[in-house]
């Protein structure tokens, strides 16, 4: 899953699409934004934390995660999260 992360947000939440990537607002706690995003994705996609892996972009806003699970369910949830109204 390709994501664009907006760090230092007041919450962890989906915020629509940005440059073709699922936008996630991330609340970094002690600089642990990557773990927070990984845990957030696991929770929202209904998979174990161990099934979400950061593949690329550890030090970038553009991140790629591998999420292991039922492809149909993951695709449906991704479409649902992408349709979240974007805040300006």
Protein backbone atom coordinates (compact mmCIF):
# COMPACT_ATOMS: atom_id res chain seq x y z
CA UNK A 1 0.00 0.00 0.00
CA UNK A 2 1.40 3.36 -1.03
CA UNK A 3 0.82 6.11 1.52
CA UNK A 4 1.55 9.79 2.05
CA UNK A 5 2.02 10.61 5.73
CA UNK A 6 1.33 13.98 7.29
CA UNK A 7 3.29 13.78 10.57
CA UNK A 8 2.71 15.62 13.84
CA UNK A 9 -1.06 15.52 13.53
CA UNK A 10 -3.36 15.64 16.54
CA UNK A 11 -4.72 12.18 15.63
CA UNK A 12 -4.09 9.08 13.55
CA UNK A 13 -6.64 9.18 10.74
CA UNK A 14 -7.19 8.71 7.02
CA UNK A 15 -7.42 11.91 5.00
CA UNK A 16 -8.31 10.84 1.45
CA UNK A 17 -5.87 10.65 -1.46
CA UNK A 18 -2.74 12.75 -2.05
CA UNK A 19 -0.69 12.33 -5.24
CA UNK A 20 -2.21 8.92 -5.89
CA UNK A 21 -1.42 7.63 -2.40
CA UNK A 22 -3.64 7.00 0.61
CA UNK A 23 -3.07 10.00 2.90
CA UNK A 24 -2.68 9.29 6.60
CA UNK A 25 -2.38 11.89 9.32
CA UNK A 26 -0.05 10.51 11.97
CA UNK A 27 0.41 11.41 15.58
CA UNK A 28 4.08 10.79 16.26
CA UNK A 29 4.81 9.82 19.82
CA UNK A 30 8.48 10.29 20.74
CA UNK A 31 9.39 10.18 17.04
CA UNK A 32 7.85 6.73 16.53
CA UNK A 33 5.60 7.70 13.61
CA UNK A 34 6.39 4.61 11.52
CA UNK A 35 5.32 2.25 14.30
CA UNK A 36 2.24 4.34 15.01
CA UNK A 37 1.22 4.21 11.34
CA UNK A 38 1.90 0.48 11.14
CA UNK A 39 -0.25 -0.16 14.24
CA UNK A 40 -2.95 2.18 12.89
CA UNK A 41 -3.05 0.31 9.56
CA UNK A 42 -3.21 -3.08 11.30
CA UNK A 43 -6.09 -1.93 13.47
CA UNK A 44 -8.09 -0.40 10.62
CA UNK A 45 -7.51 -3.25 8.16
CA UNK A 46 -8.31 -5.87 10.78
CA UNK A 47 -5.01 -7.72 10.61
CA UNK A 48 -2.36 -8.57 13.19
CA UNK A 49 0.37 -5.98 13.74
CA UNK A 50 2.88 -8.54 12.49
CA UNK A 51 1.06 -8.57 9.12
CA UNK A 52 1.95 -4.93 8.39
CA UNK A 53 5.51 -4.23 7.26
CA UNK A 54 7.11 -0.95 6.21
CA UNK A 55 8.78 -1.82 2.91
CA UNK A 56 10.04 1.58 1.76
CA UNK A 57 10.25 5.15 3.02
CA UNK A 58 11.32 4.88 6.66
CA UNK A 59 12.57 8.51 6.60
CA UNK A 60 10.13 9.90 4.05
CA UNK A 61 6.51 11.04 3.95
CA UNK A 62 6.04 8.71 0.98
CA UNK A 63 5.87 5.21 2.49
CA UNK A 64 5.05 1.78 1.14
CA UNK A 65 3.58 -0.84 3.47
CA UNK A 66 2.98 -4.52 2.83
CA UNK A 67 -0.27 -5.69 4.42
CA UNK A 68 -0.88 -9.45 4.48
CA UNK A 69 -4.51 -10.53 4.49
CA UNK A 70 -7.55 -11.35 2.37
CA UNK A 71 -7.07 -9.39 -0.86
CA UNK A 72 -10.79 -8.76 -1.39
CA UNK A 73 -11.31 -7.41 2.13
CA UNK A 74 -8.14 -5.28 2.00
CA UNK A 75 -9.16 -3.81 -1.37
CA UNK A 76 -12.65 -2.94 -0.10
CA UNK A 77 -11.29 -1.30 3.03
CA UNK A 78 -8.69 0.63 1.03
CA UNK A 79 -11.43 2.01 -1.24
CA UNK A 80 -13.47 2.95 1.83
CA UNK A 81 -10.57 4.77 3.48
CA UNK A 82 -9.62 6.54 0.25
CA UNK A 83 -13.09 8.05 0.00
CA UNK A 84 -12.74 9.88 3.32
CA UNK A 85 -13.34 13.61 2.87
CA UNK A 86 -10.09 15.51 2.73
CA UNK A 87 -9.56 18.35 5.14
CA UNK A 88 -8.00 21.51 3.80
